[in-house]
Amino acid sequence: MIGQKTLYSFFSPSPAGKRRSRSPEPADVGTGVATLTEASPAKKARAEPAEPGEPPAAPLSPEQLGRMQRNKAAALLRLAARNAPSGLGDSWKQPLHAEFGKPYFIKLMGFVAEERRHHTVYPPPHQVFTWTQMCDIKDVKVVILGQDPYHGPNQAHGLCFSVQRPIPPPPSLENIYKELSTDIDGFVHPGHGDLSGWAKQGVLLLNAVLTVRAHQANSHKERGWEQFTDAVVSWLNLHAHGLVFLLWGSYAQKKGSAIDRKRHHVLQTAHPSPLSVYRGFFGCRHFSKTNELLCKSGKVPINWKDL
């Protein structure tokens, strides 16, 4: 941690009023206040030209300042990458870097590693963060919040509600396709359950919990993933603007309860699972409404048919 602190301090300017001088300033003994009218010899030497007629040192140019800022950003990215979990998309490392060193996250990574040693865990390690690999953090336009990865073989691949080909779509996804067929003109069931086409357009398909033990739903619940994905939602809430959050079901609605409704758009209804789909999901028209809101914000709408 010493190296990290040193690197941050090296690139961070000293606060105003706390800059160190090579020579101490003389003080007025009677008042205890530093004398401001008389500069130190060292400062005089720096302020005056070394030779008569020689101009003082020029301030940094805009190009130099820009280069310093880029170097600082690159250094911070290297620090973030050092502790980031394997597979996390590059654009997400610096915004989320504060989480990686926290005790809960270190404990979480140890728990998942131990689970993988003794059990089958989905999705495989390289797909846990697929949602960050397919969508740059600054390109997010829509957020769909899920709960838990699918726990069957070859299903989960790091995008909520999505399954890998050629696995057939699970019931909740089938109901999503049914709503799309009535909401979006020309939408036709794609014949698979892979939603990567949406992710690449800026639809963040984020589960609250990112791993699960095979055939045991919610087996990695309350192990730390919720805190991490809360941090993801919080960053987007504070730093993005005009996002559309789709909150389906009470779990997603609770997780998204802190979203700033004045800054973002929130559409919520029942979950698309067979147990609740008739309580409001069918007929919600969230997909066409999302595109209307994106257009009002000056953003390119989602092509929901591109799967």
C-alpha atoms as a PDB file:
ATOM      1  CA  MET A   1       0.000   0.000   0.000  1.00  0.00           C
ATOM      2  CA  ILE A   2       3.012   2.297   0.506  1.00  0.00           C
ATOM      3  CA  GLY A   3       3.713   2.340  -3.211  1.00  0.00           C
ATOM      4  CA  GLN A   4       0.089   3.201  -4.026  1.00  0.00           C
ATOM      5  CA  LYS A   5       0.056   6.114  -1.580  1.00  0.00           C
ATOM      6  CA  THR A   6       3.332   7.417  -2.925  1.00  0.00           C
ATOM      7  CA  LEU A   7       2.103   7.294  -6.532  1.00  0.00           C
ATOM      8  CA  TYR A   8      -1.119   9.119  -5.695  1.00  0.00           C
ATOM      9  CA  SER A   9       0.775  11.829  -3.793  1.00  0.00           C
ATOM     10  CA  PHE A  10       3.257  12.199  -6.634  1.00  0.00           C
ATOM     11  CA  PHE A  11       0.570  13.029  -9.189  1.00  0.00           C
ATOM     12  CA  SER A  12      -1.721  14.963  -6.836  1.00  0.00           C
ATOM     13  CA  PRO A  13      -1.015  18.689  -6.466  1.00  0.00           C
ATOM     14  CA  SER A  14      -0.431  19.898  -2.927  1.00  0.00           C
ATOM     15  CA  PRO A  15      -3.438  21.690  -1.398  1.00  0.00           C
ATOM     16  CA  ALA A  16      -3.389  25.464  -1.587  1.00  0.00           C
ATOM     17  CA  GLY A  17      -1.668  26.975   1.389  1.00  0.00           C
ATOM     18  CA  LYS A  18       0.280  23.806   2.184  1.00  0.00           C
ATOM     19  CA  ARG A  19       3.044  23.941  -0.401  1.00  0.00           C
ATOM     20  CA  ARG A  20       6.471  23.296   1.039  1.00  0.00           C
ATOM     21  CA  SER A  21       9.313  25.768   0.541  1.00  0.00           C
ATOM     22  CA  ARG A  22      12.936  24.862   0.402  1.00  0.00           C
ATOM     23  CA  SER A  23      13.740  27.680   2.828  1.00  0.00           C
ATOM     24  CA  PRO A  24      11.544  28.501   5.841  1.00  0.00           C
ATOM     25  CA  GLU A  25       9.756  31.822   5.798  1.00  0.00           C
ATOM     26  CA  PRO A  26      10.899  34.409   8.407  1.00  0.00           C
ATOM     27  CA  ALA A  27       8.369  35.019  11.140  1.00  0.00           C
ATOM     28  CA  ASP A  28       7.390  38.169  13.014  1.00  0.00           C
ATOM     29  CA  VAL A  29       8.301  37.333  16.612  1.00  0.00           C
ATOM     30  CA  GLY A  30       5.930  39.871  18.058  1.00  0.00           C
ATOM     31  CA  THR A  31       2.805  38.554  16.332  1.00  0.00           C
ATOM     32  CA  GLY A  32       3.747  34.965  15.522  1.00  0.00           C
ATOM     33  CA  VAL A  33       2.539  35.564  11.928  1.00  0.00           C
ATOM     34  CA  ALA A  34       4.787  34.885   8.947  1.00  0.00           C
ATOM     35  CA  THR A  35       5.996  38.077   7.290  1.00  0.00           C
ATOM     36  CA  LEU A  36       4.498  38.275   3.795  1.00  0.00           C
ATOM     37  CA  THR A  37       6.123  41.490   2.579  1.00  0.00           C
ATOM     38  CA  GLU A  38       9.675  40.208   2.577  1.00  0.00           C
ATOM     39  CA  ALA A  39      10.378  37.200   0.359  1.00  0.00           C
ATOM     40  CA  SER A  40      13.055  34.710   1.326  1.00  0.00           C
ATOM     41  CA  PRO A  41      16.409  34.815  -0.506  1.00  0.00           C
ATOM     42  CA  ALA A  42      15.558  31.550  -2.196  1.00  0.00           C
ATOM     43  CA  LYS A  43      12.273  32.920  -3.508  1.00  0.00           C
ATOM     44  CA  LYS A  44      14.019  36.087  -4.655  1.00  0.00           C
ATOM     45  CA  ALA A  45      16.507  34.010  -6.558  1.00  0.00           C
ATOM     46  CA  ARG A  46      13.708  32.096  -8.279  1.00  0.00           C
ATOM     47  CA  ALA A  47      11.657  35.219  -8.986  1.00  0.00           C
ATOM     48  CA  GLU A  48      14.533  37.272 -10.405  1.00  0.00           C
ATOM     49  CA  PRO A  49      16.247  36.432 -13.699  1.00  0.00           C
ATOM     50  CA  ALA A  50      19.557  34.644 -13.368  1.00  0.00           C
ATOM     51  CA  GLU A  51      21.153  37.189 -15.717  1.00  0.00           C
ATOM     52  CA  PRO A  52      20.118  40.760 -16.499  1.00  0.00           C
ATOM     53  CA  GLY A  53      17.574  40.787 -19.289  1.00  0.00           C
ATOM     54  CA  GLU A  54      16.747  37.065 -18.974  1.00  0.00           C
ATOM     55  CA  PRO A  55      12.937  36.506 -18.750  1.00  0.00           C
ATOM     56  CA  PRO A  56      11.460  34.515 -15.827  1.00  0.00           C
ATOM     57  CA  ALA A  57      10.454  30.883 -16.356  1.00  0.00           C
ATOM     58  CA  ALA A  58       7.317  30.616 -18.503  1.00  0.00           C
ATOM     59  CA  PRO A  59       4.170  28.951 -17.062  1.00  0.00           C
ATOM     60  CA  LEU A  60       3.214  25.502 -18.281  1.00  0.00           C
ATOM     61  CA  SER A  61       1.591  25.458 -21.689  1.00  0.00           C
ATOM     62  CA  PRO A  62      -1.861  23.930 -22.286  1.00  0.00           C
ATOM     63  CA  GLU A  63      -0.121  21.051 -24.061  1.00  0.00           C
ATOM     64  CA  GLN A  64       2.104  20.390 -21.025  1.00  0.00           C
ATOM     65  CA  LEU A  65      -0.846  20.571 -18.649  1.00  0.00           C
ATOM     66  CA  GLY A  66      -2.792  18.191 -20.858  1.00  0.00           C
ATOM     67  CA  ARG A  67       0.123  15.765 -20.933  1.00  0.00           C
ATOM     68  CA  MET A  68       0.339  15.865 -17.132  1.00  0.00           C
ATOM     69  CA  GLN A  69      -3.369  15.082 -16.835  1.00  0.00           C
ATOM     70  CA  ARG A  70      -3.058  12.170 -19.254  1.00  0.00           C
ATOM     71  CA  ASN A  71      -0.066  10.796 -17.351  1.00  0.00           C
ATOM     72  CA  LYS A  72      -1.994  11.062 -14.089  1.00  0.00           C
ATOM     73  CA  ALA A  73      -5.013   9.258 -15.564  1.00  0.00           C
ATOM     74  CA  ALA A  74      -2.775   6.510 -16.948  1.00  0.00           C
ATOM     75  CA  ALA A  75      -1.104   6.050 -13.559  1.00  0.00           C
ATOM     76  CA  LEU A  76      -4.462   5.793 -11.797  1.00  0.00           C
ATOM     77  CA  LEU A  77      -5.598   3.225 -14.363  1.00  0.00           C
ATOM     78  CA  ARG A  78      -2.470   1.153 -13.711  1.00  0.00           C
ATOM     79  CA  LEU A  79      -3.176   1.252  -9.998  1.00  0.00           C
ATOM     80  CA  ALA A  80      -6.772   0.180 -10.572  1.00  0.00           C
ATOM     81  CA  ALA A  81      -5.734  -2.643 -12.900  1.00  0.00           C
ATOM     82  CA  ARG A  82      -3.296  -3.960 -10.308  1.00  0.00           C
ATOM     83  CA  ASN A  83      -6.095  -4.971  -7.922  1.00  0.00           C
ATOM     84  CA  ALA A  84      -8.977  -5.454 -10.382  1.00  0.00           C
ATOM     85  CA  PRO A  85     -10.414  -8.976 -10.678  1.00  0.00           C
ATOM     86  CA  SER A  86      -9.485 -10.925 -13.784  1.00  0.00           C
ATOM     87  CA  GLY A  87     -11.882 -10.394 -16.684  1.00  0.00           C
ATOM     88  CA  LEU A  88     -13.155  -6.950 -15.666  1.00  0.00           C
ATOM     89  CA  GLY A  89     -13.447  -4.623 -18.664  1.00  0.00           C
ATOM     90  CA  ASP A  90     -10.779  -1.911 -18.815  1.00  0.00           C
ATOM     91  CA  SER A  91     -13.197   1.029 -18.760  1.00  0.00           C
ATOM     92  CA  TRP A  92     -14.693  -0.185 -15.463  1.00  0.00           C
ATOM     93  CA  LYS A  93     -11.432  -0.570 -13.528  1.00  0.00           C
ATOM     94  CA  GLN A  94     -10.754   3.020 -12.533  1.00  0.00           C
ATOM     95  CA  PRO A  95     -14.378   3.945 -11.647  1.00  0.00           C
ATOM     96  CA  LEU A  96     -14.676   0.858  -9.405  1.00  0.00           C
ATOM     97  CA  HIS A  97     -11.095   0.669  -8.125  1.00  0.00           C
ATOM     98  CA  ALA A  98     -12.047   1.785  -4.602  1.00  0.00           C
ATOM     99  CA  GLU A  99     -13.999  -1.464  -4.112  1.00  0.00           C
ATOM    100  CA  PHE A 100     -11.173  -3.866  -4.926  1.00  0.00           C
ATOM    101  CA  GLY A 101      -9.161  -3.247  -1.770  1.00  0.00           C
ATOM    102  CA  LYS A 102     -12.077  -3.268   0.659  1.00  0.00           C
ATOM    103  CA  PRO A 103     -12.251  -6.166   3.143  1.00  0.00           C
ATOM    104  CA  TYR A 104     -15.632  -7.369   1.855  1.00  0.00           C
ATOM    105  CA  PHE A 105     -14.334  -7.673  -1.733  1.00  0.00           C
ATOM    106  CA  ILE A 106     -11.139  -9.469  -0.729  1.00  0.00           C
ATOM    107  CA  LYS A 107     -13.228 -11.878   1.354  1.00  0.00           C
ATOM    108  CA  LEU A 108     -15.669 -12.325  -1.544  1.00  0.00           C
ATOM    109  CA  MET A 109     -12.895 -13.211  -3.997  1.00  0.00           C
ATOM    110  CA  GLY A 110     -11.558 -15.768  -1.515  1.00  0.00           C
ATOM    111  CA  PHE A 111     -15.015 -17.278  -1.078  1.00  0.00           C
ATOM    112  CA  VAL A 112     -15.597 -17.665  -4.823  1.00  0.00           C
ATOM    113  CA  ALA A 113     -12.132 -19.193  -5.308  1.00  0.00           C
ATOM    114  CA  GLU A 114     -12.811 -21.700  -2.520  1.00  0.00           C
ATOM    115  CA  GLU A 115     -16.207 -22.561  -4.010  1.00  0.00           C
ATOM    116  CA  ARG A 116     -14.604 -23.256  -7.369  1.00  0.00           C
ATOM    117  CA  ARG A 117     -12.099 -25.606  -5.727  1.00  0.00           C
ATOM    118  CA  HIS A 118     -14.838 -27.781  -4.237  1.00  0.00           C
ATOM    119  CA  HIS A 119     -17.910 -27.242  -6.437  1.00  0.00           C
ATOM    120  CA  THR A 120     -18.993 -26.342  -9.946  1.00  0.00           C
ATOM    121  CA  VAL A 121     -19.658 -22.617 -10.105  1.00  0.00           C
ATOM    122  CA  TYR A 122     -21.371 -20.660 -12.884  1.00  0.00           C
ATOM    123  CA  PRO A 123     -20.525 -18.727 -14.915  1.00  0.00           C
ATOM    124  CA  PRO A 124     -16.914 -19.757 -15.586  1.00  0.00           C
ATOM    125  CA  PRO A 125     -14.262 -17.265 -14.371  1.00  0.00           C
ATOM    126  CA  HIS A 126     -13.714 -15.562 -17.738  1.00  0.00           C
ATOM    127  CA  GLN A 127     -17.450 -14.790 -18.072  1.00  0.00           C
ATOM    128  CA  VAL A 128     -18.286 -13.416 -14.625  1.00  0.00           C
ATOM    129  CA  PHE A 129     -17.760  -9.854 -15.885  1.00  0.00           C
ATOM    130  CA  THR A 130     -19.053 -10.208 -19.442  1.00  0.00           C
ATOM    131  CA  TRP A 131     -21.320  -7.214 -18.772  1.00  0.00           C
ATOM    132  CA  THR A 132     -18.197  -5.006 -18.515  1.00  0.00           C
ATOM    133  CA  GLN A 133     -16.467  -6.519 -21.537  1.00  0.00           C
ATOM    134  CA  MET A 134     -19.263  -5.853 -24.016  1.00  0.00           C
ATOM    135  CA  CYS A 135     -20.161  -2.345 -22.900  1.00  0.00           C
ATOM    136  CA  ASP A 136     -17.862   0.568 -22.052  1.00  0.00           C
ATOM    137  CA  ILE A 137     -18.974   2.230 -18.818  1.00  0.00           C
ATOM    138  CA  LYS A 138     -19.422   5.571 -20.606  1.00  0.00           C
ATOM    139  CA  ASP A 139     -21.603   3.953 -23.288  1.00  0.00           C
ATOM    140  CA  VAL A 140     -24.263   2.587 -20.929  1.00  0.00           C
ATOM    141  CA  LYS A 141     -27.729   3.812 -21.883  1.00  0.00           C
ATOM    142  CA  VAL A 142     -30.085   1.233 -20.358  1.00  0.00           C
ATOM    143  CA  VAL A 143     -29.738  -0.826 -17.176  1.00  0.00           C
ATOM    144  CA  ILE A 144     -31.693  -4.047 -16.618  1.00  0.00           C
ATOM    145  CA  LEU A 145     -31.249  -5.456 -13.119  1.00  0.00           C
ATOM    146  CA  GLY A 146     -31.470  -9.197 -12.538  1.00  0.00           C
ATOM    147  CA  GLN A 147     -30.970 -11.188  -9.359  1.00  0.00           C
ATOM    148  CA  ASP A 148     -28.965 -14.401  -9.704  1.00  0.00           C
ATOM    149  CA  PRO A 149     -27.185 -16.249 -12.554  1.00  0.00           C
ATOM    150  CA  TYR A 150     -28.812 -19.311 -14.074  1.00  0.00           C
ATOM    151  CA  HIS A 151     -27.521 -22.396 -12.260  1.00  0.00           C
ATOM    152  CA  GLY A 152     -27.786 -25.006 -15.030  1.00  0.00           C
ATOM    153  CA  PRO A 153     -24.919 -26.218 -17.243  1.00  0.00           C
ATOM    154  CA  ASN A 154     -23.788 -23.830 -19.997  1.00  0.00           C
ATOM    155  CA  GLN A 155     -26.509 -21.269 -19.260  1.00  0.00           C
ATOM    156  CA  ALA A 156     -25.022 -18.290 -17.407  1.00  0.00           C
ATOM    157  CA  HIS A 157     -22.404 -16.205 -19.189  1.00  0.00           C
ATOM    158  CA  GLY A 158     -22.354 -12.924 -17.290  1.00  0.00           C
ATOM    159  CA  LEU A 159     -25.453 -11.176 -18.685  1.00  0.00           C
ATOM    160  CA  CYS A 160     -28.698 -11.243 -16.717  1.00  0.00           C
ATOM    161  CA  PHE A 161     -31.628 -13.077 -18.381  1.00  0.00           C
ATOM    162  CA  SER A 162     -29.259 -14.228 -21.160  1.00  0.00           C
ATOM    163  CA  VAL A 163     -28.075 -17.771 -21.930  1.00  0.00           C
ATOM    164  CA  GLN A 164     -25.361 -19.045 -24.233  1.00  0.00           C
ATOM    165  CA  ARG A 165     -26.199 -20.638 -27.551  1.00  0.00           C
ATOM    166  CA  PRO A 166     -27.498 -23.248 -28.242  1.00  0.00           C
ATOM    167  CA  ILE A 167     -29.202 -23.435 -24.815  1.00  0.00           C
ATOM    168  CA  PRO A 168     -32.944 -22.696 -25.289  1.00  0.00           C
ATOM    169  CA  PRO A 169     -34.286 -19.530 -23.638  1.00  0.00           C
ATOM    170  CA  PRO A 170     -35.534 -20.073 -20.049  1.00  0.00           C
ATOM    171  CA  PRO A 171     -39.183 -19.210 -19.216  1.00  0.00           C
ATOM    172  CA  SER A 172     -38.503 -15.621 -18.069  1.00  0.00           C
ATOM    173  CA  LEU A 173     -36.650 -14.833 -21.275  1.00  0.00           C
ATOM    174  CA  GLU A 174     -39.405 -16.425 -23.344  1.00  0.00           C
ATOM    175  CA  ASN A 175     -41.845 -14.046 -21.672  1.00  0.00           C
ATOM    176  CA  ILE A 176     -39.543 -11.117 -22.445  1.00  0.00           C
ATOM    177  CA  TYR A 177     -39.606 -12.153 -26.108  1.00  0.00           C
ATOM    178  CA  LYS A 178     -43.414 -12.382 -26.003  1.00  0.00           C
ATOM    179  CA  GLU A 179     -43.661  -8.818 -24.709  1.00  0.00           C
ATOM    180  CA  LEU A 180     -41.220  -7.645 -27.346  1.00  0.00           C
ATOM    181  CA  SER A 181     -43.283  -9.236 -30.119  1.00  0.00           C
ATOM    182  CA  THR A 182     -46.286  -7.101 -29.144  1.00  0.00           C
ATOM    183  CA  ASP A 183     -44.316  -3.954 -28.278  1.00  0.00           C
ATOM    184  CA  ILE A 184     -41.714  -3.654 -31.058  1.00  0.00           C
ATOM    185  CA  ASP A 185     -42.870  -3.765 -34.684  1.00  0.00           C
ATOM    186  CA  GLY A 186     -41.139  -6.512 -36.604  1.00  0.00           C
ATOM    187  CA  PHE A 187     -39.633  -8.281 -33.595  1.00  0.00           C
ATOM    188  CA  VAL A 188     -39.350 -12.005 -34.215  1.00  0.00           C
ATOM    189  CA  HIS A 189     -38.180 -14.623 -31.730  1.00  0.00           C
ATOM    190  CA  PRO A 190     -34.449 -15.013 -32.565  1.00  0.00           C
ATOM    191  CA  GLY A 191     -34.394 -18.754 -31.891  1.00  0.00           C
ATOM    192  CA  HIS A 192     -31.786 -18.438 -29.130  1.00  0.00           C
ATOM    193  CA  GLY A 193     -31.346 -16.757 -25.735  1.00  0.00           C
ATOM    194  CA  ASP A 194     -28.098 -14.826 -26.195  1.00  0.00           C
ATOM    195  CA  LEU A 195     -28.641 -11.110 -25.444  1.00  0.00           C
ATOM    196  CA  SER A 196     -25.113 -10.019 -26.373  1.00  0.00           C
ATOM    197  CA  GLY A 197     -26.541  -7.892 -29.189  1.00  0.00           C
ATOM    198  CA  TRP A 198     -28.237  -5.679 -26.613  1.00  0.00           C
ATOM    199  CA  ALA A 199     -25.161  -5.459 -24.397  1.00  0.00           C
ATOM    200  CA  LYS A 200     -23.058  -4.205 -27.308  1.00  0.00           C
ATOM    201  CA  GLN A 201     -25.560  -1.366 -27.847  1.00  0.00           C
ATOM    202  CA  GLY A 202     -25.275  -0.066 -24.285  1.00  0.00           C
ATOM    203  CA  VAL A 203     -27.794  -2.222 -22.415  1.00  0.00           C
ATOM    204  CA  LEU A 204     -26.172  -3.180 -19.120  1.00  0.00           C
ATOM    205  CA  LEU A 205     -27.503  -6.613 -18.163  1.00  0.00           C
ATOM    206  CA  LEU A 206     -26.458  -6.711 -14.507  1.00  0.00           C
ATOM    207  CA  ASN A 207     -27.257  -9.379 -11.951  1.00  0.00           C
ATOM    208  CA  ALA A 208     -27.112  -8.415  -8.280  1.00  0.00           C
ATOM    209  CA  VAL A 209     -25.151 -11.624  -7.562  1.00  0.00           C
ATOM    210  CA  LEU A 210     -22.560 -12.611 -10.153  1.00  0.00           C
ATOM    211  CA  THR A 211     -21.831 -16.277  -9.353  1.00  0.00           C
ATOM    212  CA  VAL A 212     -23.787 -19.335  -8.205  1.00  0.00           C
ATOM    213  CA  ARG A 213     -23.097 -22.939  -7.263  1.00  0.00           C
ATOM    214  CA  ALA A 214     -24.412 -25.425  -9.819  1.00  0.00           C
ATOM    215  CA  HIS A 215     -28.065 -26.402  -9.297  1.00  0.00           C
ATOM    216  CA  GLN A 216     -28.373 -24.271  -6.120  1.00  0.00           C
ATOM    217  CA  ALA A 217     -30.150 -20.990  -6.769  1.00  0.00           C
ATOM    218  CA  ASN A 218     -29.062 -18.063  -4.558  1.00  0.00           C
ATOM    219  CA  SER A 219     -26.205 -20.122  -3.099  1.00  0.00           C
ATOM    220  CA  HIS A 220     -23.838 -17.123  -3.355  1.00  0.00           C
ATOM    221  CA  LYS A 221     -26.357 -14.670  -1.973  1.00  0.00           C
ATOM    222  CA  GLU A 222     -25.190 -12.254   0.755  1.00  0.00           C
ATOM    223  CA  ARG A 223     -21.519 -13.064   0.270  1.00  0.00           C
ATOM    224  CA  GLY A 224     -20.556  -9.598  -0.954  1.00  0.00           C
ATOM    225  CA  TRP A 225     -21.653  -9.452  -4.575  1.00  0.00           C
ATOM    226  CA  GLU A 226     -24.647  -7.277  -3.654  1.00  0.00           C
ATOM    227  CA  GLN A 227     -22.370  -4.612  -2.175  1.00  0.00           C
ATOM    228  CA  PHE A 228     -20.202  -4.611  -5.282  1.00  0.00           C
ATOM    229  CA  THR A 229     -23.107  -4.332  -7.720  1.00  0.00           C
ATOM    230  CA  ASP A 230     -24.639  -1.622  -5.512  1.00  0.00           C
ATOM    231  CA  ALA A 231     -21.397   0.295  -6.097  1.00  0.00           C
ATOM    232  CA  VAL A 232     -21.862  -0.175  -9.860  1.00  0.00           C
ATOM    233  CA  VAL A 233     -25.405   1.201  -9.737  1.00  0.00           C
ATOM    234  CA  SER A 234     -24.283   4.042  -7.466  1.00  0.00           C
ATOM    235  CA  TRP A 235     -21.497   5.092  -9.857  1.00  0.00           C
ATOM    236  CA  LEU A 236     -23.863   5.137 -12.813  1.00  0.00           C
ATOM    237  CA  ASN A 237     -26.454   7.019 -10.787  1.00  0.00           C
ATOM    238  CA  LEU A 238     -23.966   9.748  -9.849  1.00  0.00           C
ATOM    239  CA  HIS A 239     -21.806  10.043 -12.966  1.00  0.00           C
ATOM    240  CA  ALA A 240     -24.049   9.153 -15.917  1.00  0.00           C
ATOM    241  CA  HIS A 241     -27.070  11.128 -17.071  1.00  0.00           C
ATOM    242  CA  GLY A 242     -30.376  10.208 -18.682  1.00  0.00           C
ATOM    243  CA  LEU A 243     -30.078   6.438 -18.245  1.00  0.00           C
ATOM    244  CA  VAL A 244     -33.170   4.247 -18.405  1.00  0.00           C
ATOM    245  CA  PHE A 245     -33.385   1.744 -15.541  1.00  0.00           C
ATOM    246  CA  LEU A 246     -35.728  -1.214 -16.054  1.00  0.00           C
ATOM    247  CA  LEU A 247     -36.676  -2.628 -12.664  1.00  0.00           C
ATOM    248  CA  TRP A 248     -38.669  -5.830 -12.980  1.00  0.00           C
ATOM    249  CA  GLY A 249     -39.914  -7.319  -9.735  1.00  0.00           C
ATOM    250  CA  SER A 250     -39.602  -6.282  -6.099  1.00  0.00           C
ATOM    251  CA  TYR A 251     -35.966  -7.347  -5.778  1.00  0.00           C
ATOM    252  CA  ALA A 252     -34.789  -5.116  -8.631  1.00  0.00           C
ATOM    253  CA  GLN A 253     -37.001  -2.278  -7.439  1.00  0.00           C
ATOM    254  CA  LYS A 254     -35.462  -2.426  -3.979  1.00  0.00           C
ATOM    255  CA  LYS A 255     -31.939  -2.446  -5.425  1.00  0.00           C
ATOM    256  CA  GLY A 256     -32.777   0.560  -7.582  1.00  0.00           C
ATOM    257  CA  SER A 257     -34.622   2.501  -4.892  1.00  0.00           C
ATOM    258  CA  ALA A 258     -31.802   5.067  -4.526  1.00  0.00           C
ATOM    259  CA  ILE A 259     -31.703   6.009  -8.218  1.00  0.00           C
ATOM    260  CA  ASP A 260     -32.121   9.752  -8.760  1.00  0.00           C
ATOM    261  CA  ARG A 261     -35.419  10.030 -10.642  1.00  0.00           C
ATOM    262  CA  LYS A 262     -34.658  13.630 -11.623  1.00  0.00           C
ATOM    263  CA  ARG A 263     -31.420  12.605 -13.292  1.00  0.00           C
ATOM    264  CA  HIS A 264     -32.503   9.274 -14.787  1.00  0.00           C
ATOM    265  CA  HIS A 265     -35.632   7.481 -16.027  1.00  0.00           C
ATOM    266  CA  VAL A 266     -37.025   4.513 -14.093  1.00  0.00           C
ATOM    267  CA  LEU A 267     -39.556   2.035 -15.504  1.00  0.00           C
ATOM    268  CA  GLN A 268     -40.759  -0.679 -13.178  1.00  0.00           C
ATOM    269  CA  THR A 269     -43.250  -3.514 -13.291  1.00  0.00           C
ATOM    270  CA  ALA A 270     -43.662  -7.170 -12.310  1.00  0.00           C
ATOM    271  CA  HIS A 271     -40.944  -9.741 -12.976  1.00  0.00           C
ATOM    272  CA  PRO A 272     -41.244 -11.676 -16.275  1.00  0.00           C
ATOM    273  CA  SER A 273     -41.167 -15.070 -14.551  1.00  0.00           C
ATOM    274  CA  PRO A 274     -44.204 -17.338 -15.122  1.00  0.00           C
ATOM    275  CA  LEU A 275     -45.284 -16.724 -11.511  1.00  0.00           C
ATOM    276  CA  SER A 276     -45.690 -12.974 -11.932  1.00  0.00           C
ATOM    277  CA  VAL A 277     -45.692 -12.120 -15.623  1.00  0.00           C
ATOM    278  CA  TYR A 278     -49.454 -11.539 -15.699  1.00  0.00           C
ATOM    279  CA  ARG A 279     -49.250  -9.034 -12.836  1.00  0.00           C
ATOM    280  CA  GLY A 280     -48.102  -6.258 -15.120  1.00  0.00           C
ATOM    281  CA  PHE A 281     -45.135  -7.354 -17.210  1.00  0.00           C
ATOM    282  CA  PHE A 282     -47.248  -8.310 -20.211  1.00  0.00           C
ATOM    283  CA  GLY A 283     -48.406  -5.045 -21.709  1.00  0.00           C
ATOM    284  CA  CYS A 284     -45.827  -2.858 -19.917  1.00  0.00           C
ATOM    285  CA  ARG A 285     -44.302  -1.766 -23.258  1.00  0.00           C
ATOM    286  CA  HIS A 286     -40.997  -1.023 -21.547  1.00  0.00           C
ATOM    287  CA  PHE A 287     -38.976  -1.521 -24.701  1.00  0.00           C
ATOM    288  CA  SER A 288     -40.738   1.085 -26.831  1.00  0.00           C
ATOM    289  CA  LYS A 289     -40.960   3.427 -23.830  1.00  0.00           C
ATOM    290  CA  THR A 290     -37.225   3.071 -23.302  1.00  0.00           C
ATOM    291  CA  ASN A 291     -36.537   4.150 -26.871  1.00  0.00           C
ATOM    292  CA  GLU A 292     -38.865   7.132 -26.524  1.00  0.00           C
ATOM    293  CA  LEU A 293     -36.979   8.268 -23.418  1.00  0.00           C
ATOM    294  CA  LEU A 294     -33.598   7.773 -25.080  1.00  0.00           C
ATOM    295  CA  CYS A 295     -34.679   9.850 -28.052  1.00  0.00           C
ATOM    296  CA  LYS A 296     -35.849  12.638 -25.748  1.00  0.00           C
ATOM    297  CA  SER A 297     -32.385  12.588 -24.157  1.00  0.00           C
ATOM    298  CA  GLY A 298     -30.738  12.852 -27.570  1.00  0.00           C
ATOM    299  CA  LYS A 299     -29.439   9.273 -27.507  1.00  0.00           C
ATOM    300  CA  VAL A 300     -29.592   6.587 -30.153  1.00  0.00           C
ATOM    301  CA  PRO A 301     -32.438   4.145 -29.386  1.00  0.00           C
ATOM    302  CA  ILE A 302     -31.845   0.428 -28.876  1.00  0.00           C
ATOM    303  CA  ASN A 303     -32.468  -1.925 -31.792  1.00  0.00           C
ATOM    304  CA  TRP A 304     -34.179  -4.646 -29.758  1.00  0.00           C
ATOM    305  CA  LYS A 305     -34.360  -6.843 -32.864  1.00  0.00           C
ATOM    306  CA  ASP A 306     -30.548  -6.971 -33.157  1.00  0.00           C
ATOM    307  CA  LEU A 307     -29.836 -10.273 -31.432  1.00  0.00           C
END
